[in-house]
Amino acid sequence: MTRTTKVSLIVNGKGHSLEVDNRTTLLDLLREHLHLTGTKKGCDHGQCGACTVMVDGRRINSCLTLAVMHEHNEITTIEGLGEPGNLHPMQAAFVKHDGFQCGYCTPGQICSAVAVLEEIKSNIPSHVTGDLTAQAEATPGELRERMSGNICRCGAYSNIIDAVAEVSGRKA
């Protein structure tokens, strides 16, 4: 017997109430129920970051969390960051620095990068933060560590770091 639950959440600024199978991941809700296909299903094990979205401003792997766990949360996907002709600064920087090749990982990379800069701005340390008492900085090493959960099989890492560094206001 399949159990379902009604879940209400806010996706890209718009409220949604859906009845979903309790086993539905947030990724599947976004792609299959809301038809927001920008968020990609990569490994489906939380190892590649292609499914990265932001929930209440924090990045998560949407393949590893159940939709019913996000009642009333604000979820931002790549579709919620910008649009053609009015790109989010991170999207524009990825284009400028050629931070993508095949583009499959790009939505997750961009969502992660936006959240990474918020973490740094909020002075949340990472494993490579040298001085925990000083303001965190968007150094290349810091950005590489924080973005390490997002895999690019094409190898555009240096371009991705250049894009994130530019948006942070720092040169890579």
N, C-alpha and C. Protein backbone atom coordinates (compact mmCIF):
# COMPACT_ATOMS: atom_id res chain seq x y z
N MET A 1 0.83 -1.18 0.00
CA MET A 1 0.00 0.00 0.00
C MET A 1 0.89 1.25 0.00
N THR A 2 0.69 2.08 -0.97
CA THR A 2 1.46 3.31 -1.09
C THR A 2 0.85 4.39 -0.22
N ARG A 3 1.69 5.02 0.59
CA ARG A 3 1.22 6.11 1.44
C ARG A 3 1.60 7.43 0.81
N THR A 4 0.68 8.37 0.86
CA THR A 4 0.94 9.69 0.31
C THR A 4 0.73 10.74 1.39
N THR A 5 1.34 11.88 1.16
CA THR A 5 1.23 13.01 2.08
C THR A 5 1.10 14.27 1.26
N LYS A 6 0.29 15.19 1.76
CA LYS A 6 0.18 16.49 1.12
C LYS A 6 1.33 17.35 1.64
N VAL A 7 2.08 17.94 0.72
CA VAL A 7 3.21 18.79 1.09
C VAL A 7 3.03 20.15 0.42
N SER A 8 3.27 21.19 1.20
CA SER A 8 3.21 22.55 0.68
C SER A 8 4.60 23.15 0.80
N LEU A 9 5.08 23.65 -0.30
CA LEU A 9 6.39 24.28 -0.30
C LEU A 9 6.41 25.43 -1.29
N ILE A 10 7.43 26.25 -1.15
CA ILE A 10 7.59 27.41 -2.03
C ILE A 10 8.79 27.13 -2.92
N VAL A 11 8.55 27.09 -4.22
CA VAL A 11 9.62 26.81 -5.18
C VAL A 11 9.77 28.02 -6.09
N ASN A 12 10.94 28.60 -6.05
CA ASN A 12 11.25 29.78 -6.87
C ASN A 12 10.22 30.89 -6.67
N GLY A 13 9.81 31.07 -5.40
CA GLY A 13 8.91 32.14 -5.04
C GLY A 13 7.43 31.85 -5.23
N LYS A 14 7.10 30.67 -5.71
CA LYS A 14 5.71 30.32 -5.96
C LYS A 14 5.29 29.15 -5.07
N GLY A 15 4.14 29.27 -4.41
CA GLY A 15 3.64 28.22 -3.54
C GLY A 15 3.08 27.04 -4.32
N HIS A 16 3.32 25.85 -3.81
CA HIS A 16 2.81 24.61 -4.41
C HIS A 16 2.31 23.70 -3.30
N SER A 17 1.17 23.08 -3.51
CA SER A 17 0.66 22.04 -2.62
C SER A 17 0.41 20.81 -3.47
N LEU A 18 1.04 19.72 -3.09
CA LEU A 18 0.94 18.49 -3.88
C LEU A 18 0.76 17.30 -2.96
N GLU A 19 0.10 16.30 -3.46
CA GLU A 19 -0.01 15.02 -2.78
C GLU A 19 1.04 14.11 -3.42
N VAL A 20 2.00 13.66 -2.60
CA VAL A 20 3.09 12.86 -3.16
C VAL A 20 3.28 11.57 -2.35
N ASP A 21 3.79 10.58 -3.02
CA ASP A 21 4.21 9.35 -2.37
C ASP A 21 5.26 9.74 -1.33
N ASN A 22 5.18 9.20 -0.14
CA ASN A 22 6.10 9.54 0.94
C ASN A 22 7.56 9.29 0.58
N ARG A 23 7.80 8.43 -0.39
CA ARG A 23 9.17 8.09 -0.79
C ARG A 23 9.72 9.00 -1.88
N THR A 24 8.97 10.00 -2.31
CA THR A 24 9.39 10.89 -3.40
C THR A 24 10.50 11.81 -2.92
N THR A 25 11.60 11.81 -3.63
CA THR A 25 12.68 12.73 -3.28
C THR A 25 12.33 14.14 -3.72
N LEU A 26 13.01 15.10 -3.15
CA LEU A 26 12.80 16.48 -3.57
C LEU A 26 13.17 16.63 -5.04
N LEU A 27 14.22 15.97 -5.48
CA LEU A 27 14.62 16.01 -6.88
C LEU A 27 13.49 15.53 -7.79
N ASP A 28 12.89 14.40 -7.45
CA ASP A 28 11.81 13.88 -8.28
C ASP A 28 10.57 14.76 -8.24
N LEU A 29 10.30 15.37 -7.09
CA LEU A 29 9.17 16.30 -7.03
C LEU A 29 9.41 17.47 -7.99
N LEU A 30 10.62 18.02 -7.96
CA LEU A 30 10.93 19.16 -8.83
C LEU A 30 10.83 18.77 -10.30
N ARG A 31 11.42 17.65 -10.67
CA ARG A 31 11.49 17.26 -12.07
C ARG A 31 10.17 16.66 -12.59
N GLU A 32 9.59 15.76 -11.83
CA GLU A 32 8.45 15.00 -12.34
C GLU A 32 7.09 15.62 -12.01
N HIS A 33 6.99 16.30 -10.88
CA HIS A 33 5.71 16.89 -10.50
C HIS A 33 5.60 18.35 -10.90
N LEU A 34 6.70 19.10 -10.77
CA LEU A 34 6.66 20.53 -11.11
C LEU A 34 7.27 20.82 -12.48
N HIS A 35 7.85 19.81 -13.11
CA HIS A 35 8.42 19.92 -14.46
C HIS A 35 9.52 20.97 -14.55
N LEU A 36 10.30 21.10 -13.46
CA LEU A 36 11.48 21.97 -13.43
C LEU A 36 12.69 21.08 -13.69
N THR A 37 13.07 20.97 -14.92
CA THR A 37 14.09 19.99 -15.31
C THR A 37 15.51 20.54 -15.31
N GLY A 38 15.70 21.77 -14.85
CA GLY A 38 17.05 22.32 -14.76
C GLY A 38 17.90 21.58 -13.75
N THR A 39 17.30 21.15 -12.66
CA THR A 39 18.01 20.37 -11.65
C THR A 39 18.18 18.96 -12.21
N LYS A 40 19.41 18.49 -12.26
CA LYS A 40 19.70 17.22 -12.93
C LYS A 40 19.83 16.06 -11.96
N LYS A 41 19.47 14.88 -12.45
CA LYS A 41 19.70 13.64 -11.73
C LYS A 41 20.99 13.05 -12.28
N GLY A 42 22.02 13.09 -11.46
CA GLY A 42 23.32 12.56 -11.89
C GLY A 42 23.51 11.17 -11.36
N CYS A 43 24.14 11.08 -10.20
CA CYS A 43 24.45 9.77 -9.63
C CYS A 43 23.30 9.20 -8.80
N ASP A 44 22.39 10.05 -8.34
CA ASP A 44 21.28 9.66 -7.47
C ASP A 44 21.75 9.08 -6.14
N HIS A 45 23.00 9.43 -5.74
CA HIS A 45 23.57 8.97 -4.47
C HIS A 45 24.19 10.12 -3.68
N GLY A 46 24.00 11.37 -4.14
CA GLY A 46 24.54 12.53 -3.43
C GLY A 46 26.03 12.73 -3.58
N GLN A 47 26.62 12.12 -4.60
CA GLN A 47 28.07 12.19 -4.76
C GLN A 47 28.53 13.18 -5.83
N CYS A 48 27.64 13.59 -6.75
CA CYS A 48 28.10 14.40 -7.88
C CYS A 48 27.68 15.87 -7.81
N GLY A 49 26.60 16.18 -7.09
CA GLY A 49 26.16 17.56 -6.95
C GLY A 49 25.31 18.09 -8.09
N ALA A 50 25.01 17.28 -9.10
CA ALA A 50 24.20 17.75 -10.23
C ALA A 50 22.80 18.17 -9.78
N CYS A 51 22.34 17.64 -8.66
CA CYS A 51 20.99 17.92 -8.16
C CYS A 51 20.96 19.02 -7.11
N THR A 52 22.04 19.77 -6.96
CA THR A 52 22.10 20.80 -5.92
C THR A 52 21.05 21.88 -6.13
N VAL A 53 20.31 22.15 -5.08
CA VAL A 53 19.35 23.26 -5.02
C VAL A 53 19.57 23.95 -3.67
N MET A 54 18.92 25.08 -3.48
CA MET A 54 19.01 25.77 -2.20
C MET A 54 17.67 25.66 -1.48
N VAL A 55 17.72 25.26 -0.23
CA VAL A 55 16.54 25.18 0.63
C VAL A 55 16.76 26.16 1.77
N ASP A 56 15.90 27.16 1.81
CA ASP A 56 16.03 28.23 2.80
C ASP A 56 17.45 28.81 2.79
N GLY A 57 18.01 28.96 1.60
CA GLY A 57 19.32 29.57 1.43
C GLY A 57 20.51 28.66 1.58
N ARG A 58 20.29 27.42 1.97
CA ARG A 58 21.40 26.47 2.14
C ARG A 58 21.36 25.44 1.03
N ARG A 59 22.52 25.07 0.54
CA ARG A 59 22.56 24.11 -0.56
C ARG A 59 22.41 22.69 -0.05
N ILE A 60 21.69 21.90 -0.81
CA ILE A 60 21.51 20.49 -0.48
C ILE A 60 21.50 19.68 -1.76
N ASN A 61 21.77 18.40 -1.62
CA ASN A 61 21.62 17.46 -2.72
C ASN A 61 20.17 17.00 -2.68
N SER A 62 19.39 17.43 -3.66
CA SER A 62 17.96 17.14 -3.64
C SER A 62 17.64 15.67 -3.85
N CYS A 63 18.60 14.88 -4.31
CA CYS A 63 18.35 13.45 -4.48
C CYS A 63 18.40 12.70 -3.16
N LEU A 64 18.93 13.34 -2.12
CA LEU A 64 19.10 12.66 -0.83
C LEU A 64 18.06 13.04 0.21
N THR A 65 17.09 13.84 -0.15
CA THR A 65 16.11 14.29 0.82
C THR A 65 14.70 14.05 0.29
N LEU A 66 13.82 13.68 1.18
CA LEU A 66 12.44 13.43 0.79
C LEU A 66 11.67 14.73 0.71
N ALA A 67 10.79 14.83 -0.26
CA ALA A 67 9.99 16.04 -0.46
C ALA A 67 9.18 16.38 0.78
N VAL A 68 8.63 15.36 1.45
CA VAL A 68 7.78 15.61 2.62
C VAL A 68 8.54 16.24 3.78
N MET A 69 9.85 16.23 3.74
CA MET A 69 10.67 16.84 4.78
C MET A 69 10.77 18.36 4.62
N HIS A 70 10.22 18.89 3.54
CA HIS A 70 10.43 20.30 3.22
C HIS A 70 9.14 21.12 3.25
N GLU A 71 8.22 20.70 4.10
CA GLU A 71 6.98 21.43 4.29
C GLU A 71 7.29 22.90 4.61
N HIS A 72 6.74 23.79 3.82
CA HIS A 72 6.86 25.25 3.98
C HIS A 72 8.27 25.79 3.75
N ASN A 73 9.19 24.99 3.28
CA ASN A 73 10.53 25.50 2.97
C ASN A 73 10.51 26.29 1.67
N GLU A 74 11.47 27.20 1.54
CA GLU A 74 11.67 27.95 0.31
C GLU A 74 12.79 27.27 -0.47
N ILE A 75 12.47 26.79 -1.64
CA ILE A 75 13.42 26.07 -2.47
C ILE A 75 13.73 26.91 -3.70
N THR A 76 15.02 27.05 -3.98
CA THR A 76 15.44 27.79 -5.17
C THR A 76 16.20 26.83 -6.08
N THR A 77 15.74 26.73 -7.31
CA THR A 77 16.41 25.92 -8.32
C THR A 77 17.08 26.87 -9.32
N ILE A 78 17.76 26.34 -10.28
CA ILE A 78 18.40 27.17 -11.30
C ILE A 78 17.37 28.04 -12.02
N GLU A 79 16.16 27.52 -12.18
CA GLU A 79 15.11 28.30 -12.85
C GLU A 79 14.70 29.53 -12.05
N GLY A 80 14.97 29.53 -10.74
CA GLY A 80 14.60 30.64 -9.89
C GLY A 80 15.68 31.70 -9.73
N LEU A 81 16.84 31.47 -10.32
CA LEU A 81 17.94 32.43 -10.16
C LEU A 81 17.92 33.54 -11.20
N GLY A 82 17.59 33.24 -12.40
CA GLY A 82 17.60 34.23 -13.45
C GLY A 82 16.83 33.72 -14.65
N GLU A 83 16.80 34.54 -15.68
CA GLU A 83 16.08 34.15 -16.89
C GLU A 83 16.81 34.76 -18.08
N PRO A 84 16.56 34.27 -19.27
CA PRO A 84 17.22 34.84 -20.44
C PRO A 84 17.01 36.36 -20.49
N GLY A 85 18.08 37.07 -20.70
CA GLY A 85 18.02 38.53 -20.75
C GLY A 85 18.17 39.18 -19.38
N ASN A 86 18.06 38.39 -18.32
CA ASN A 86 18.20 38.91 -16.96
C ASN A 86 18.84 37.82 -16.09
N LEU A 87 20.07 37.45 -16.44
CA LEU A 87 20.76 36.38 -15.73
C LEU A 87 21.17 36.81 -14.33
N HIS A 88 21.20 35.85 -13.44
CA HIS A 88 21.79 36.06 -12.12
C HIS A 88 23.28 36.34 -12.35
N PRO A 89 23.93 37.14 -11.53
CA PRO A 89 25.36 37.42 -11.72
C PRO A 89 26.22 36.15 -11.82
N MET A 90 25.86 35.11 -11.08
CA MET A 90 26.65 33.87 -11.16
C MET A 90 26.45 33.20 -12.52
N GLN A 91 25.23 33.20 -13.04
CA GLN A 91 24.99 32.64 -14.36
C GLN A 91 25.79 33.41 -15.41
N ALA A 92 25.77 34.72 -15.33
CA ALA A 92 26.50 35.56 -16.29
C ALA A 92 28.00 35.29 -16.20
N ALA A 93 28.52 35.11 -14.98
CA ALA A 93 29.95 34.84 -14.81
C ALA A 93 30.31 33.47 -15.38
N PHE A 94 29.45 32.48 -15.23
CA PHE A 94 29.71 31.16 -15.81
C PHE A 94 29.79 31.26 -17.34
N VAL A 95 28.91 32.04 -17.92
CA VAL A 95 28.95 32.24 -19.37
C VAL A 95 30.24 32.95 -19.76
N LYS A 96 30.55 34.04 -19.08
CA LYS A 96 31.74 34.84 -19.38
C LYS A 96 33.02 34.02 -19.29
N HIS A 97 33.13 33.19 -18.25
CA HIS A 97 34.36 32.43 -18.02
C HIS A 97 34.32 31.02 -18.60
N ASP A 98 33.28 30.71 -19.38
CA ASP A 98 33.13 29.39 -19.97
C ASP A 98 33.21 28.32 -18.88
N GLY A 99 32.42 28.51 -17.83
CA GLY A 99 32.42 27.61 -16.69
C GLY A 99 31.60 26.36 -16.91
N PHE A 100 31.44 25.97 -18.13
CA PHE A 100 30.69 24.76 -18.46
C PHE A 100 31.17 24.26 -19.80
N GLN A 101 31.04 22.98 -20.02
CA GLN A 101 31.30 22.43 -21.35
C GLN A 101 30.04 21.74 -21.83
N CYS A 102 29.77 20.56 -21.30
CA CYS A 102 28.53 19.90 -21.73
C CYS A 102 27.32 20.55 -21.09
N GLY A 103 27.50 21.18 -19.92
CA GLY A 103 26.42 21.89 -19.25
C GLY A 103 25.59 21.06 -18.30
N TYR A 104 25.81 19.76 -18.23
CA TYR A 104 24.95 18.91 -17.40
C TYR A 104 25.06 19.28 -15.92
N CYS A 105 26.26 19.52 -15.44
CA CYS A 105 26.45 19.82 -14.02
C CYS A 105 26.23 21.29 -13.69
N THR A 106 26.12 22.13 -14.71
CA THR A 106 26.11 23.58 -14.52
C THR A 106 25.01 24.08 -13.58
N PRO A 107 23.76 23.62 -13.68
CA PRO A 107 22.75 24.13 -12.73
C PRO A 107 23.13 23.88 -11.27
N GLY A 108 23.60 22.68 -10.97
CA GLY A 108 24.03 22.36 -9.61
C GLY A 108 25.25 23.16 -9.20
N GLN A 109 26.19 23.34 -10.13
CA GLN A 109 27.39 24.13 -9.85
C GLN A 109 27.00 25.56 -9.51
N ILE A 110 26.10 26.15 -10.28
CA ILE A 110 25.69 27.54 -10.06
C ILE A 110 24.95 27.69 -8.74
N CYS A 111 24.01 26.80 -8.46
CA CYS A 111 23.29 26.87 -7.18
C CYS A 111 24.27 26.72 -6.01
N SER A 112 25.21 25.81 -6.13
CA SER A 112 26.20 25.62 -5.09
C SER A 112 27.06 26.86 -4.93
N ALA A 113 27.49 27.45 -6.05
CA ALA A 113 28.35 28.64 -6.00
C ALA A 113 27.65 29.81 -5.32
N VAL A 114 26.37 30.01 -5.61
CA VAL A 114 25.61 31.08 -4.97
C VAL A 114 25.58 30.85 -3.46
N ALA A 115 25.32 29.62 -3.04
CA ALA A 115 25.28 29.30 -1.61
C ALA A 115 26.66 29.42 -0.97
N VAL A 116 27.71 29.03 -1.69
CA VAL A 116 29.08 29.13 -1.17
C VAL A 116 29.41 30.59 -0.84
N LEU A 117 29.06 31.50 -1.71
CA LEU A 117 29.37 32.90 -1.44
C LEU A 117 28.57 33.42 -0.24
N GLU A 118 27.37 32.91 -0.04
CA GLU A 118 26.60 33.28 1.16
C GLU A 118 27.26 32.72 2.42
N GLU A 119 27.78 31.49 2.33
CA GLU A 119 28.49 30.90 3.47
C GLU A 119 29.69 31.76 3.84
N ILE A 120 30.46 32.16 2.84
CA ILE A 120 31.65 32.97 3.08
C ILE A 120 31.25 34.32 3.67
N LYS A 121 30.23 34.95 3.09
CA LYS A 121 29.76 36.24 3.59
C LYS A 121 29.28 36.12 5.04
N SER A 122 28.68 34.99 5.38
CA SER A 122 28.19 34.75 6.74
C SER A 122 29.29 34.26 7.67
N ASN A 123 30.51 34.18 7.16
CA ASN A 123 31.70 33.77 7.92
C ASN A 123 31.60 32.35 8.47
N ILE A 124 31.02 31.46 7.67
CA ILE A 124 30.96 30.04 8.03
C ILE A 124 32.25 29.40 7.53
N PRO A 125 33.05 28.83 8.42
CA PRO A 125 34.34 28.26 8.00
C PRO A 125 34.18 26.95 7.24
N SER A 126 35.22 26.60 6.49
CA SER A 126 35.28 25.30 5.81
C SER A 126 36.47 24.54 6.41
N HIS A 127 36.77 23.39 5.85
CA HIS A 127 37.90 22.59 6.34
C HIS A 127 39.24 23.24 6.06
N VAL A 128 39.30 24.16 5.12
CA VAL A 128 40.58 24.79 4.78
C VAL A 128 40.68 26.24 5.27
N THR A 129 39.66 26.73 5.98
CA THR A 129 39.73 28.08 6.51
C THR A 129 40.88 28.15 7.50
N GLY A 130 41.83 29.04 7.23
CA GLY A 130 43.05 29.12 8.04
C GLY A 130 42.84 29.74 9.40
N ASP A 131 42.12 30.83 9.47
CA ASP A 131 41.93 31.57 10.73
C ASP A 131 40.44 31.64 11.03
N LEU A 132 40.02 30.88 12.01
CA LEU A 132 38.59 30.81 12.34
C LEU A 132 38.08 32.07 13.01
N THR A 133 38.99 32.96 13.43
CA THR A 133 38.56 34.20 14.08
C THR A 133 38.46 35.36 13.09
N ALA A 134 38.99 35.17 11.89
CA ALA A 134 38.95 36.23 10.87
C ALA A 134 37.80 35.98 9.90
N GLN A 135 37.42 37.01 9.19
CA GLN A 135 36.37 36.88 8.16
C GLN A 135 36.85 35.91 7.08
N ALA A 136 36.02 34.95 6.73
CA ALA A 136 36.35 34.01 5.66
C ALA A 136 36.51 34.77 4.35
N GLU A 137 37.38 34.28 3.49
CA GLU A 137 37.64 34.92 2.20
C GLU A 137 37.45 33.93 1.07
N ALA A 138 37.10 34.47 -0.08
CA ALA A 138 36.86 33.64 -1.27
C ALA A 138 38.16 33.41 -2.03
N THR A 139 39.12 32.80 -1.36
CA THR A 139 40.39 32.48 -2.02
C THR A 139 40.17 31.28 -2.95
N PRO A 140 41.04 31.09 -3.93
CA PRO A 140 40.88 29.92 -4.80
C PRO A 140 40.84 28.60 -4.03
N GLY A 141 41.68 28.45 -3.01
CA GLY A 141 41.68 27.23 -2.21
C GLY A 141 40.38 27.05 -1.45
N GLU A 142 39.87 28.13 -0.91
CA GLU A 142 38.61 28.09 -0.17
C GLU A 142 37.46 27.73 -1.12
N LEU A 143 37.45 28.33 -2.29
CA LEU A 143 36.38 28.05 -3.26
C LEU A 143 36.46 26.60 -3.75
N ARG A 144 37.68 26.12 -4.04
CA ARG A 144 37.82 24.72 -4.48
C ARG A 144 37.31 23.75 -3.42
N GLU A 145 37.64 24.00 -2.16
CA GLU A 145 37.18 23.13 -1.07
C GLU A 145 35.65 23.14 -0.98
N ARG A 146 35.08 24.33 -1.00
CA ARG A 146 33.64 24.46 -0.82
C ARG A 146 32.85 23.92 -2.02
N MET A 147 33.43 23.98 -3.19
CA MET A 147 32.76 23.49 -4.40
C MET A 147 33.08 22.02 -4.68
N SER A 148 33.86 21.38 -3.82
CA SER A 148 34.34 20.03 -4.11
C SER A 148 33.24 18.98 -4.18
N GLY A 149 32.06 19.25 -3.68
CA GLY A 149 30.96 18.31 -3.77
C GLY A 149 30.24 18.33 -5.10
N ASN A 150 30.68 19.21 -5.99
CA ASN A 150 30.06 19.32 -7.32
C ASN A 150 31.08 18.88 -8.36
N ILE A 151 30.79 17.77 -9.02
CA ILE A 151 31.71 17.18 -9.98
C ILE A 151 31.40 17.64 -11.39
N CYS A 152 32.44 18.00 -12.12
CA CYS A 152 32.33 18.35 -13.54
C CYS A 152 33.15 17.33 -14.31
N ARG A 153 32.49 16.46 -15.03
CA ARG A 153 33.21 15.42 -15.77
C ARG A 153 33.98 15.98 -16.95
N CYS A 154 33.64 17.20 -17.39
CA CYS A 154 34.35 17.83 -18.51
C CYS A 154 35.63 18.52 -18.06
N GLY A 155 35.76 18.79 -16.77
CA GLY A 155 36.99 19.38 -16.25
C GLY A 155 37.05 20.90 -16.34
N ALA A 156 35.93 21.58 -16.23
CA ALA A 156 35.92 23.05 -16.32
C ALA A 156 36.19 23.72 -14.98
N TYR A 157 36.85 23.01 -14.07
CA TYR A 157 37.02 23.51 -12.71
C TYR A 157 37.69 24.88 -12.62
N SER A 158 38.76 25.11 -13.35
CA SER A 158 39.45 26.40 -13.24
C SER A 158 38.54 27.53 -13.71
N ASN A 159 37.75 27.28 -14.74
CA ASN A 159 36.82 28.30 -15.23
C ASN A 159 35.69 28.55 -14.23
N ILE A 160 35.25 27.50 -13.57
CA ILE A 160 34.21 27.63 -12.55
C ILE A 160 34.73 28.48 -11.39
N ILE A 161 35.94 28.19 -10.94
CA ILE A 161 36.53 28.96 -9.83
C ILE A 161 36.70 30.42 -10.25
N ASP A 162 37.12 30.66 -11.48
CA ASP A 162 37.25 32.05 -11.98
C ASP A 162 35.89 32.76 -11.94
N ALA A 163 34.83 32.08 -12.32
CA ALA A 163 33.49 32.67 -12.32
C ALA A 163 33.04 33.00 -10.90
N VAL A 164 33.21 32.05 -9.99
CA VAL A 164 32.78 32.27 -8.59
C VAL A 164 33.62 33.39 -7.97
N ALA A 165 34.92 33.39 -8.24
CA ALA A 165 35.80 34.43 -7.70
C ALA A 165 35.37 35.81 -8.20
N GLU A 166 35.00 35.90 -9.48
CA GLU A 166 34.58 37.19 -10.02
C GLU A 166 33.34 37.71 -9.31
N VAL A 167 32.37 36.85 -9.10
CA VAL A 167 31.14 37.27 -8.43
C VAL A 167 31.42 37.66 -6.97
N SER A 168 32.41 37.02 -6.37
CA SER A 168 32.77 37.35 -4.98
C SER A 168 33.47 38.70 -4.89
N GLY A 169 33.91 39.22 -6.05
CA GLY A 169 34.63 40.47 -6.05
C GLY A 169 36.13 40.29 -5.95
N ARG A 170 36.56 39.05 -6.00
CA ARG A 170 37.98 38.72 -5.84
C ARG A 170 38.49 38.11 -7.15
N LYS A 171 39.72 38.36 -7.46
CA LYS A 171 40.34 37.76 -8.64
C LYS A 171 40.89 36.39 -8.26
N ALA A 172 40.63 35.40 -9.11
CA ALA A 172 41.07 34.02 -8.81
C ALA A 172 42.57 33.87 -8.90
